[in-house]
Amino acid sequence: MAINNSISKYDWQFILSASLLTFVFILTDLIGVFNKEFLYFVPSFISDQPYRIFTSILTHADLNHLLSNLGGIIITRYFLMRLGIKRRFFYLKFILICSFLNFLIIWVYEKILSYFNIYPNYAALGFSGIIYALFGFLLLTSFYGKKYFLGKEIGFKSNYELQKMLKTISLIGLIFSFFPGVSLLGHSSGFIAGCFLFLI
């Protein structure tokens, strides 16, 4: 199936996301206007500093981390275009909703651990949780299609070709999540959040 890869009326969402991630990286890592320690996700700080739910997805550990997530935006853009995206604000809505849902899942996980007197001490940052949420959403969409999202028609149809590609990418992503320095919890919670958003 041929696809027109020229700039479309929906691409401003992807360009805006990539530009914002790059801008924050310049401010934190190149210029040093902000200290990343005040932006990333730390479980014990969220109740007093809820803004970290959003700022953590904009912050990256280093240039390689940023570039990998910019690549993720390009990949998810490709799949959304192949599925025939019809909503101008779908991508941005997905990001905002997924930010809350992703960290809600992490919060539930932490509460379960605290019940057993286990208190995780870690920091999370980066856009990859959103990327993995989109992988989960798109994988299920490639199987079953998705006509509506939050009451708005999006008209995504099942696609066997994309299904094969998404299964491969999701498997590679899962393996990569076990590498040292990569957040398995952030990736898996994102993927679960994306699957949940497909179901609503």
N, C-alpha and C. Protein backbone atom coordinates (compact mmCIF):
# COMPACT_ATOMS: atom_id res chain seq x y z
N MET A 1 0.85 -1.21 0.00
CA MET A 1 0.00 0.00 0.00
C MET A 1 0.88 1.25 0.00
N ALA A 2 0.69 2.09 -0.95
CA ALA A 2 1.50 3.31 -1.05
C ALA A 2 1.06 4.32 -0.01
N ILE A 3 2.01 5.13 0.42
CA ILE A 3 1.69 6.18 1.40
C ILE A 3 2.37 7.46 0.99
N ASN A 4 1.67 8.53 1.11
CA ASN A 4 2.22 9.84 0.80
C ASN A 4 2.95 10.36 2.03
N ASN A 5 4.28 10.45 1.96
CA ASN A 5 5.08 10.86 3.11
C ASN A 5 5.33 12.36 3.14
N SER A 6 4.66 13.12 2.31
CA SER A 6 4.83 14.57 2.33
C SER A 6 4.22 15.14 3.61
N ILE A 7 4.54 16.37 3.90
CA ILE A 7 4.01 17.03 5.09
C ILE A 7 2.49 17.12 4.98
N SER A 8 1.80 16.69 6.02
CA SER A 8 0.35 16.73 6.02
C SER A 8 -0.14 17.73 7.05
N LYS A 9 -1.44 17.95 7.06
CA LYS A 9 -2.03 18.90 8.00
C LYS A 9 -1.98 18.39 9.44
N TYR A 10 -1.64 17.12 9.64
CA TYR A 10 -1.55 16.55 10.98
C TYR A 10 -0.13 16.60 11.55
N ASP A 11 0.84 16.91 10.71
CA ASP A 11 2.24 16.81 11.13
C ASP A 11 2.66 17.86 12.14
N TRP A 12 1.89 18.94 12.29
CA TRP A 12 2.27 19.96 13.25
C TRP A 12 2.32 19.39 14.66
N GLN A 13 1.51 18.36 14.95
CA GLN A 13 1.51 17.75 16.28
C GLN A 13 2.85 17.06 16.56
N PHE A 14 3.37 16.34 15.56
CA PHE A 14 4.63 15.63 15.71
C PHE A 14 5.79 16.61 15.76
N ILE A 15 5.72 17.63 14.90
CA ILE A 15 6.77 18.65 14.88
C ILE A 15 6.80 19.42 16.20
N LEU A 16 5.63 19.76 16.73
CA LEU A 16 5.55 20.46 18.01
C LEU A 16 6.15 19.61 19.13
N SER A 17 5.81 18.33 19.16
CA SER A 17 6.33 17.43 20.20
C SER A 17 7.85 17.33 20.12
N ALA A 18 8.37 17.08 18.92
CA ALA A 18 9.81 16.94 18.74
C ALA A 18 10.53 18.25 19.07
N SER A 19 9.95 19.37 18.67
CA SER A 19 10.57 20.68 18.95
C SER A 19 10.61 20.97 20.44
N LEU A 20 9.53 20.61 21.14
CA LEU A 20 9.48 20.86 22.58
C LEU A 20 10.51 20.02 23.32
N LEU A 21 10.65 18.76 22.93
CA LEU A 21 11.66 17.89 23.56
C LEU A 21 13.06 18.44 23.32
N THR A 22 13.30 18.89 22.09
CA THR A 22 14.62 19.43 21.74
C THR A 22 14.88 20.73 22.49
N PHE A 23 13.87 21.59 22.59
CA PHE A 23 14.01 22.87 23.28
C PHE A 23 14.33 22.66 24.76
N VAL A 24 13.63 21.73 25.39
CA VAL A 24 13.89 21.45 26.81
C VAL A 24 15.30 20.89 26.99
N PHE A 25 15.75 20.04 26.06
CA PHE A 25 17.10 19.50 26.14
C PHE A 25 18.15 20.61 26.04
N ILE A 26 17.91 21.56 25.14
CA ILE A 26 18.83 22.70 25.01
C ILE A 26 18.89 23.50 26.31
N LEU A 27 17.72 23.73 26.91
CA LEU A 27 17.67 24.51 28.15
C LEU A 27 18.33 23.79 29.33
N THR A 28 18.17 22.46 29.39
CA THR A 28 18.68 21.72 30.54
C THR A 28 20.13 21.25 30.36
N ASP A 29 20.46 20.77 29.16
CA ASP A 29 21.76 20.13 28.97
C ASP A 29 22.80 21.02 28.27
N LEU A 30 22.36 21.88 27.37
CA LEU A 30 23.33 22.69 26.64
C LEU A 30 23.56 24.05 27.27
N ILE A 31 22.47 24.70 27.67
CA ILE A 31 22.59 26.04 28.27
C ILE A 31 22.62 25.98 29.79
N GLY A 32 21.90 25.03 30.35
CA GLY A 32 21.88 24.87 31.81
C GLY A 32 20.96 25.85 32.51
N VAL A 33 19.88 26.28 31.83
CA VAL A 33 18.93 27.20 32.44
C VAL A 33 18.18 26.51 33.57
N PHE A 34 17.83 25.23 33.36
CA PHE A 34 17.11 24.46 34.36
C PHE A 34 17.93 23.24 34.75
N ASN A 35 17.82 22.86 36.00
CA ASN A 35 18.44 21.63 36.48
C ASN A 35 17.44 20.49 36.32
N LYS A 36 17.85 19.42 35.64
CA LYS A 36 16.95 18.30 35.39
C LYS A 36 16.41 17.68 36.67
N GLU A 37 17.12 17.84 37.77
CA GLU A 37 16.68 17.25 39.03
C GLU A 37 15.33 17.80 39.49
N PHE A 38 14.98 18.99 39.01
CA PHE A 38 13.71 19.60 39.39
C PHE A 38 12.57 19.25 38.41
N LEU A 39 12.89 18.45 37.39
CA LEU A 39 11.91 18.17 36.36
C LEU A 39 11.51 16.71 36.25
N TYR A 40 12.43 15.78 36.54
CA TYR A 40 12.09 14.38 36.30
C TYR A 40 11.22 13.79 37.40
N PHE A 41 10.70 12.61 37.11
CA PHE A 41 9.73 11.95 37.98
C PHE A 41 10.43 11.24 39.14
N VAL A 42 10.09 11.68 40.35
CA VAL A 42 10.57 11.02 41.57
C VAL A 42 9.33 10.70 42.41
N PRO A 43 9.06 9.43 42.68
CA PRO A 43 7.82 9.05 43.36
C PRO A 43 7.51 9.82 44.63
N SER A 44 8.50 10.05 45.45
CA SER A 44 8.27 10.69 46.73
C SER A 44 7.95 12.18 46.61
N PHE A 45 8.21 12.76 45.42
CA PHE A 45 7.99 14.21 45.23
C PHE A 45 6.65 14.54 44.57
N ILE A 46 5.98 13.54 43.98
CA ILE A 46 4.82 13.81 43.14
C ILE A 46 3.67 14.47 43.89
N SER A 47 3.44 14.07 45.14
CA SER A 47 2.31 14.65 45.89
C SER A 47 2.49 16.15 46.11
N ASP A 48 3.74 16.60 46.28
CA ASP A 48 4.01 18.02 46.48
C ASP A 48 4.35 18.75 45.18
N GLN A 49 4.81 18.02 44.20
CA GLN A 49 5.24 18.62 42.93
C GLN A 49 4.64 17.86 41.75
N PRO A 50 3.31 17.93 41.59
CA PRO A 50 2.65 17.15 40.53
C PRO A 50 3.04 17.56 39.12
N TYR A 51 3.63 18.74 38.96
CA TYR A 51 4.05 19.19 37.63
C TYR A 51 5.06 18.22 37.02
N ARG A 52 5.73 17.43 37.86
CA ARG A 52 6.74 16.49 37.35
C ARG A 52 6.14 15.42 36.45
N ILE A 53 4.83 15.18 36.58
CA ILE A 53 4.16 14.21 35.71
C ILE A 53 4.36 14.60 34.25
N PHE A 54 4.31 15.92 33.98
CA PHE A 54 4.47 16.40 32.61
C PHE A 54 5.93 16.72 32.28
N THR A 55 6.62 17.38 33.19
CA THR A 55 7.99 17.80 32.87
C THR A 55 8.92 16.60 32.70
N SER A 56 8.62 15.49 33.36
CA SER A 56 9.49 14.31 33.26
C SER A 56 9.51 13.73 31.85
N ILE A 57 8.38 13.83 31.12
CA ILE A 57 8.37 13.27 29.76
C ILE A 57 9.10 14.18 28.77
N LEU A 58 9.37 15.41 29.18
CA LEU A 58 10.06 16.36 28.30
C LEU A 58 11.57 16.34 28.52
N THR A 59 12.01 15.68 29.58
CA THR A 59 13.41 15.71 30.00
C THR A 59 14.10 14.41 29.62
N HIS A 60 15.37 14.51 29.17
CA HIS A 60 16.09 13.32 28.75
C HIS A 60 17.47 13.25 29.40
N ALA A 61 17.95 12.02 29.56
CA ALA A 61 19.21 11.81 30.27
C ALA A 61 20.41 12.35 29.50
N ASP A 62 20.41 12.14 28.18
CA ASP A 62 21.52 12.60 27.35
C ASP A 62 21.05 12.71 25.90
N LEU A 63 21.97 13.04 25.02
CA LEU A 63 21.62 13.24 23.61
C LEU A 63 21.12 11.95 22.96
N ASN A 64 21.74 10.81 23.28
CA ASN A 64 21.30 9.54 22.71
C ASN A 64 19.87 9.21 23.12
N HIS A 65 19.54 9.51 24.37
CA HIS A 65 18.19 9.29 24.88
C HIS A 65 17.19 10.15 24.10
N LEU A 66 17.54 11.41 23.90
CA LEU A 66 16.68 12.32 23.14
C LEU A 66 16.49 11.83 21.71
N LEU A 67 17.59 11.47 21.05
CA LEU A 67 17.52 11.06 19.65
C LEU A 67 16.69 9.79 19.47
N SER A 68 16.80 8.86 20.43
CA SER A 68 16.02 7.63 20.32
C SER A 68 14.52 7.93 20.42
N ASN A 69 14.15 8.89 21.26
CA ASN A 69 12.74 9.23 21.39
C ASN A 69 12.24 10.08 20.23
N LEU A 70 13.10 10.89 19.66
CA LEU A 70 12.72 11.61 18.43
C LEU A 70 12.49 10.60 17.31
N GLY A 71 13.32 9.55 17.28
CA GLY A 71 13.10 8.48 16.32
C GLY A 71 11.77 7.79 16.56
N GLY A 72 11.41 7.63 17.85
CA GLY A 72 10.12 7.03 18.20
C GLY A 72 8.95 7.85 17.70
N ILE A 73 9.09 9.17 17.75
CA ILE A 73 8.03 10.05 17.23
C ILE A 73 7.87 9.86 15.72
N ILE A 74 8.99 9.74 15.02
CA ILE A 74 8.94 9.52 13.57
C ILE A 74 8.27 8.19 13.24
N ILE A 75 8.60 7.15 14.02
CA ILE A 75 8.03 5.82 13.78
C ILE A 75 6.53 5.83 14.04
N THR A 76 6.11 6.42 15.16
CA THR A 76 4.67 6.44 15.47
C THR A 76 3.91 7.31 14.47
N ARG A 77 4.54 8.36 13.98
CA ARG A 77 3.92 9.20 12.94
C ARG A 77 3.67 8.36 11.70
N TYR A 78 4.64 7.54 11.34
CA TYR A 78 4.49 6.67 10.16
C TYR A 78 3.28 5.75 10.31
N PHE A 79 3.16 5.10 11.47
CA PHE A 79 2.05 4.18 11.68
C PHE A 79 0.70 4.90 11.69
N LEU A 80 0.65 6.06 12.32
CA LEU A 80 -0.60 6.81 12.36
C LEU A 80 -1.02 7.27 10.96
N MET A 81 -0.05 7.66 10.16
CA MET A 81 -0.37 8.07 8.78
C MET A 81 -0.84 6.87 7.97
N ARG A 82 -0.24 5.71 8.19
CA ARG A 82 -0.65 4.51 7.48
C ARG A 82 -2.06 4.08 7.87
N LEU A 83 -2.41 4.31 9.14
CA LEU A 83 -3.75 3.95 9.61
C LEU A 83 -4.79 4.98 9.19
N GLY A 84 -4.34 6.11 8.67
CA GLY A 84 -5.27 7.12 8.16
C GLY A 84 -5.77 8.06 9.24
N ILE A 85 -4.86 8.67 9.99
CA ILE A 85 -5.24 9.59 11.05
C ILE A 85 -6.16 10.68 10.50
N LYS A 86 -7.24 10.98 11.23
CA LYS A 86 -8.22 11.96 10.76
C LYS A 86 -8.46 13.10 11.73
N ARG A 87 -7.90 13.01 12.92
CA ARG A 87 -8.14 14.03 13.94
C ARG A 87 -6.90 14.89 14.14
N ARG A 88 -7.09 16.21 14.02
CA ARG A 88 -5.97 17.14 14.13
C ARG A 88 -5.28 17.10 15.49
N PHE A 89 -6.04 16.79 16.55
CA PHE A 89 -5.49 16.84 17.89
C PHE A 89 -5.32 15.46 18.53
N PHE A 90 -5.46 14.40 17.75
CA PHE A 90 -5.39 13.05 18.33
C PHE A 90 -4.09 12.83 19.06
N TYR A 91 -2.96 13.13 18.42
CA TYR A 91 -1.64 12.85 18.99
C TYR A 91 -1.43 13.60 20.31
N LEU A 92 -1.77 14.87 20.33
CA LEU A 92 -1.58 15.66 21.55
C LEU A 92 -2.52 15.21 22.67
N LYS A 93 -3.76 14.90 22.33
CA LYS A 93 -4.69 14.38 23.34
C LYS A 93 -4.16 13.08 23.93
N PHE A 94 -3.67 12.23 23.06
CA PHE A 94 -3.14 10.95 23.51
C PHE A 94 -1.99 11.17 24.50
N ILE A 95 -1.09 12.08 24.19
CA ILE A 95 0.06 12.36 25.06
C ILE A 95 -0.41 12.85 26.42
N LEU A 96 -1.33 13.81 26.46
CA LEU A 96 -1.79 14.37 27.72
C LEU A 96 -2.48 13.33 28.59
N ILE A 97 -3.38 12.56 27.99
CA ILE A 97 -4.10 11.54 28.76
C ILE A 97 -3.15 10.45 29.22
N CYS A 98 -2.26 10.06 28.34
CA CYS A 98 -1.33 8.98 28.65
C CYS A 98 -0.35 9.38 29.76
N SER A 99 0.01 10.66 29.83
CA SER A 99 0.91 11.11 30.89
C SER A 99 0.32 10.81 32.26
N PHE A 100 -0.95 11.14 32.44
CA PHE A 100 -1.63 10.85 33.71
C PHE A 100 -1.76 9.35 33.93
N LEU A 101 -2.21 8.65 32.91
CA LEU A 101 -2.50 7.22 33.05
C LEU A 101 -1.23 6.42 33.31
N ASN A 102 -0.18 6.78 32.62
CA ASN A 102 1.10 6.09 32.79
C ASN A 102 1.57 6.18 34.24
N PHE A 103 1.53 7.37 34.81
CA PHE A 103 2.01 7.53 36.17
C PHE A 103 1.00 7.04 37.21
N LEU A 104 -0.27 6.94 36.83
CA LEU A 104 -1.24 6.28 37.70
C LEU A 104 -0.89 4.81 37.86
N ILE A 105 -0.52 4.18 36.76
CA ILE A 105 -0.11 2.77 36.81
C ILE A 105 1.13 2.60 37.68
N ILE A 106 2.10 3.50 37.52
CA ILE A 106 3.30 3.45 38.34
C ILE A 106 2.96 3.66 39.81
N TRP A 107 2.03 4.58 40.09
CA TRP A 107 1.61 4.84 41.47
C TRP A 107 0.98 3.60 42.10
N VAL A 108 0.12 2.91 41.34
CA VAL A 108 -0.49 1.68 41.83
C VAL A 108 0.58 0.63 42.12
N TYR A 109 1.53 0.52 41.22
CA TYR A 109 2.65 -0.42 41.39
C TYR A 109 3.42 -0.11 42.67
N GLU A 110 3.68 1.17 42.91
CA GLU A 110 4.41 1.56 44.11
C GLU A 110 3.62 1.27 45.38
N LYS A 111 2.30 1.47 45.32
CA LYS A 111 1.45 1.19 46.48
C LYS A 111 1.45 -0.30 46.81
N ILE A 112 1.44 -1.12 45.76
CA ILE A 112 1.49 -2.57 45.98
C ILE A 112 2.82 -2.95 46.64
N LEU A 113 3.91 -2.36 46.16
CA LEU A 113 5.21 -2.65 46.75
C LEU A 113 5.28 -2.17 48.19
N SER A 114 4.73 -0.98 48.46
CA SER A 114 4.79 -0.44 49.82
C SER A 114 3.98 -1.30 50.80
N TYR A 115 2.97 -1.99 50.29
CA TYR A 115 2.19 -2.91 51.13
C TYR A 115 3.08 -4.02 51.69
N PHE A 116 4.11 -4.37 50.91
CA PHE A 116 5.07 -5.39 51.34
C PHE A 116 6.34 -4.77 51.92
N ASN A 117 6.22 -3.48 52.32
CA ASN A 117 7.33 -2.74 52.91
C ASN A 117 8.53 -2.62 51.97
N ILE A 118 8.23 -2.53 50.69
CA ILE A 118 9.27 -2.28 49.68
C ILE A 118 9.02 -0.89 49.11
N TYR A 119 10.02 -0.03 49.22
CA TYR A 119 9.85 1.36 48.78
C TYR A 119 10.88 1.66 47.69
N PRO A 120 10.44 1.65 46.43
CA PRO A 120 11.39 1.91 45.33
C PRO A 120 11.93 3.33 45.36
N ASN A 121 13.20 3.45 45.08
CA ASN A 121 13.85 4.77 45.07
C ASN A 121 14.50 4.96 43.71
N TYR A 122 13.83 5.66 42.82
CA TYR A 122 14.33 5.83 41.47
C TYR A 122 13.79 7.12 40.88
N ALA A 123 14.38 7.51 39.77
CA ALA A 123 13.89 8.67 39.02
C ALA A 123 13.61 8.22 37.60
N ALA A 124 12.56 8.78 36.99
CA ALA A 124 12.19 8.42 35.62
C ALA A 124 12.11 9.69 34.79
N LEU A 125 12.56 9.60 33.56
CA LEU A 125 12.49 10.74 32.65
C LEU A 125 12.48 10.25 31.21
N GLY A 126 11.97 11.08 30.33
CA GLY A 126 11.99 10.76 28.91
C GLY A 126 10.60 10.51 28.33
N PHE A 127 10.54 10.59 27.02
CA PHE A 127 9.30 10.48 26.26
C PHE A 127 8.96 9.04 25.88
N SER A 128 9.83 8.10 26.26
CA SER A 128 9.65 6.72 25.80
C SER A 128 8.40 6.07 26.35
N GLY A 129 7.93 6.46 27.55
CA GLY A 129 6.69 5.91 28.06
C GLY A 129 5.52 6.20 27.13
N ILE A 130 5.51 7.41 26.56
CA ILE A 130 4.46 7.79 25.60
C ILE A 130 4.62 6.99 24.31
N ILE A 131 5.86 6.82 23.85
CA ILE A 131 6.12 6.05 22.64
C ILE A 131 5.62 4.61 22.80
N TYR A 132 5.92 4.02 23.95
CA TYR A 132 5.48 2.64 24.19
C TYR A 132 3.97 2.56 24.34
N ALA A 133 3.36 3.59 24.89
CA ALA A 133 1.89 3.63 24.97
C ALA A 133 1.29 3.64 23.57
N LEU A 134 1.89 4.40 22.68
CA LEU A 134 1.42 4.43 21.29
C LEU A 134 1.63 3.07 20.61
N PHE A 135 2.74 2.40 20.93
CA PHE A 135 2.98 1.07 20.38
C PHE A 135 1.87 0.10 20.83
N GLY A 136 1.51 0.17 22.12
CA GLY A 136 0.46 -0.70 22.62
C GLY A 136 -0.88 -0.39 21.96
N PHE A 137 -1.20 0.89 21.86
CA PHE A 137 -2.45 1.32 21.23
C PHE A 137 -2.49 0.92 19.77
N LEU A 138 -1.41 1.17 19.06
CA LEU A 138 -1.37 0.89 17.63
C LEU A 138 -1.34 -0.60 17.33
N LEU A 139 -0.69 -1.38 18.20
CA LEU A 139 -0.65 -2.83 18.00
C LEU A 139 -2.06 -3.41 18.05
N LEU A 140 -2.83 -3.03 19.08
CA LEU A 140 -4.21 -3.52 19.18
C LEU A 140 -5.07 -2.98 18.03
N THR A 141 -4.79 -1.74 17.64
CA THR A 141 -5.53 -1.16 16.52
C THR A 141 -5.26 -1.93 15.23
N SER A 142 -4.02 -2.34 15.03
CA SER A 142 -3.69 -3.09 13.81
C SER A 142 -4.41 -4.44 13.76
N PHE A 143 -4.75 -4.97 14.93
CA PHE A 143 -5.50 -6.23 15.01
C PHE A 143 -7.00 -6.00 14.77
N TYR A 144 -7.55 -5.04 15.49
CA TYR A 144 -9.01 -4.92 15.56
C TYR A 144 -9.59 -3.65 14.92
N GLY A 145 -8.73 -2.69 14.61
CA GLY A 145 -9.23 -1.40 14.15
C GLY A 145 -9.73 -0.59 15.33
N LYS A 146 -9.94 0.69 15.11
CA LYS A 146 -10.41 1.57 16.18
C LYS A 146 -11.18 2.71 15.53
N LYS A 147 -12.51 2.67 15.66
CA LYS A 147 -13.33 3.66 14.98
C LYS A 147 -13.42 4.96 15.75
N TYR A 148 -13.50 4.88 17.10
CA TYR A 148 -13.66 6.09 17.92
C TYR A 148 -12.61 6.14 19.02
N PHE A 149 -12.23 7.35 19.37
CA PHE A 149 -11.33 7.58 20.51
C PHE A 149 -11.90 8.75 21.30
N LEU A 150 -12.31 8.47 22.54
CA LEU A 150 -12.93 9.48 23.41
C LEU A 150 -14.12 10.14 22.73
N GLY A 151 -14.92 9.33 22.05
CA GLY A 151 -16.14 9.83 21.43
C GLY A 151 -15.96 10.50 20.09
N LYS A 152 -14.72 10.64 19.63
CA LYS A 152 -14.45 11.26 18.33
C LYS A 152 -14.02 10.20 17.33
N GLU A 153 -14.55 10.31 16.12
CA GLU A 153 -14.22 9.32 15.10
C GLU A 153 -12.78 9.49 14.64
N ILE A 154 -12.04 8.38 14.64
CA ILE A 154 -10.68 8.39 14.12
C ILE A 154 -10.55 7.45 12.92
N GLY A 155 -11.45 6.47 12.80
CA GLY A 155 -11.54 5.65 11.60
C GLY A 155 -10.33 4.79 11.31
N PHE A 156 -9.62 4.29 12.34
CA PHE A 156 -8.49 3.41 12.10
C PHE A 156 -8.99 2.00 11.79
N LYS A 157 -8.50 1.42 10.71
CA LYS A 157 -8.89 0.06 10.34
C LYS A 157 -7.75 -0.90 10.64
N SER A 158 -8.12 -2.17 10.86
CA SER A 158 -7.09 -3.19 11.09
C SER A 158 -6.19 -3.28 9.86
N ASN A 159 -4.94 -3.64 10.09
CA ASN A 159 -3.97 -3.67 8.99
C ASN A 159 -2.95 -4.76 9.29
N TYR A 160 -3.01 -5.85 8.53
CA TYR A 160 -2.15 -7.00 8.81
C TYR A 160 -0.68 -6.68 8.60
N GLU A 161 -0.38 -5.87 7.59
CA GLU A 161 1.01 -5.50 7.31
C GLU A 161 1.61 -4.72 8.48
N LEU A 162 0.85 -3.74 8.98
CA LEU A 162 1.33 -2.96 10.12
C LEU A 162 1.37 -3.82 11.38
N GLN A 163 0.45 -4.76 11.48
CA GLN A 163 0.41 -5.66 12.63
C GLN A 163 1.73 -6.41 12.77
N LYS A 164 2.24 -6.93 11.67
CA LYS A 164 3.51 -7.66 11.69
C LYS A 164 4.66 -6.74 12.11
N MET A 165 4.68 -5.54 11.58
CA MET A 165 5.73 -4.58 11.92
C MET A 165 5.67 -4.19 13.39
N LEU A 166 4.46 -3.95 13.88
CA LEU A 166 4.29 -3.51 15.27
C LEU A 166 4.63 -4.63 16.25
N LYS A 167 4.31 -5.87 15.90
CA LYS A 167 4.68 -6.99 16.77
C LYS A 167 6.20 -7.09 16.89
N THR A 168 6.89 -6.90 15.78
CA THR A 168 8.36 -6.95 15.78
C THR A 168 8.94 -5.81 16.60
N ILE A 169 8.45 -4.59 16.38
CA ILE A 169 8.95 -3.43 17.11
C ILE A 169 8.67 -3.56 18.60
N SER A 170 7.48 -4.04 18.96
CA SER A 170 7.13 -4.20 20.37
C SER A 170 8.01 -5.24 21.04
N LEU A 171 8.32 -6.32 20.34
CA LEU A 171 9.20 -7.35 20.89
C LEU A 171 10.61 -6.82 21.09
N ILE A 172 11.11 -6.11 20.08
CA ILE A 172 12.46 -5.51 20.20
C ILE A 172 12.47 -4.51 21.35
N GLY A 173 11.40 -3.71 21.47
CA GLY A 173 11.31 -2.73 22.55
C GLY A 173 11.30 -3.39 23.92
N LEU A 174 10.61 -4.53 24.02
CA LEU A 174 10.57 -5.26 25.30
C LEU A 174 11.95 -5.76 25.68
N ILE A 175 12.66 -6.33 24.72
CA ILE A 175 14.02 -6.81 24.98
C ILE A 175 14.92 -5.66 25.38
N PHE A 176 14.82 -4.55 24.66
CA PHE A 176 15.63 -3.37 24.95
C PHE A 176 15.35 -2.83 26.35
N SER A 177 14.13 -3.00 26.84
CA SER A 177 13.74 -2.47 28.15
C SER A 177 14.48 -3.14 29.30
N PHE A 178 15.07 -4.31 29.05
CA PHE A 178 15.82 -5.02 30.09
C PHE A 178 17.29 -4.61 30.12
N PHE A 179 17.71 -3.73 29.21
CA PHE A 179 19.09 -3.28 29.20
C PHE A 179 19.37 -2.40 30.42
N PRO A 180 20.61 -2.39 30.89
CA PRO A 180 20.98 -1.52 32.03
C PRO A 180 20.73 -0.05 31.70
N GLY A 181 20.20 0.68 32.66
CA GLY A 181 19.95 2.11 32.49
C GLY A 181 18.66 2.43 31.76
N VAL A 182 17.89 1.41 31.37
CA VAL A 182 16.61 1.61 30.70
C VAL A 182 15.50 1.28 31.68
N SER A 183 14.45 2.08 31.68
CA SER A 183 13.36 1.92 32.64
C SER A 183 12.34 0.90 32.14
N LEU A 184 12.45 -0.33 32.63
CA LEU A 184 11.47 -1.36 32.29
C LEU A 184 10.08 -0.96 32.78
N LEU A 185 10.03 -0.39 33.99
CA LEU A 185 8.74 0.03 34.55
C LEU A 185 8.11 1.13 33.70
N GLY A 186 8.90 2.11 33.28
CA GLY A 186 8.38 3.20 32.47
C GLY A 186 7.86 2.72 31.13
N HIS A 187 8.59 1.80 30.50
CA HIS A 187 8.18 1.28 29.20
C HIS A 187 6.95 0.38 29.32
N SER A 188 6.97 -0.52 30.31
CA SER A 188 5.85 -1.45 30.46
C SER A 188 4.57 -0.73 30.89
N SER A 189 4.71 0.25 31.80
CA SER A 189 3.52 1.01 32.22
C SER A 189 2.96 1.81 31.05
N GLY A 190 3.84 2.33 30.20
CA GLY A 190 3.39 3.04 29.02
C GLY A 190 2.64 2.12 28.07
N PHE A 191 3.18 0.94 27.84
CA PHE A 191 2.54 -0.02 26.95
C PHE A 191 1.16 -0.42 27.48
N ILE A 192 1.08 -0.66 28.79
CA ILE A 192 -0.21 -1.01 29.42
C ILE A 192 -1.20 0.15 29.29
N ALA A 193 -0.71 1.37 29.50
CA ALA A 193 -1.57 2.54 29.36
C ALA A 193 -2.13 2.66 27.95
N GLY A 194 -1.29 2.40 26.96
CA GLY A 194 -1.74 2.46 25.57
C GLY A 194 -2.79 1.40 25.26
N CYS A 195 -2.60 0.20 25.81
CA CYS A 195 -3.60 -0.86 25.62
C CYS A 195 -4.92 -0.47 26.27
N PHE A 196 -4.84 0.14 27.46
CA PHE A 196 -6.06 0.57 28.15
C PHE A 196 -6.79 1.64 27.35
N LEU A 197 -6.02 2.59 26.80
CA LEU A 197 -6.65 3.66 26.01
C LEU A 197 -7.31 3.11 24.75
N PHE A 198 -6.80 2.00 24.24
CA PHE A 198 -7.46 1.37 23.10
C PHE A 198 -8.85 0.84 23.51
N LEU A 199 -8.96 0.36 24.75
CA LEU A 199 -10.18 -0.28 25.19
C LEU A 199 -11.30 0.69 25.54
N ILE A 200 -10.97 1.97 25.76
CA ILE A 200 -12.01 2.92 26.18
C ILE A 200 -12.57 3.67 24.96
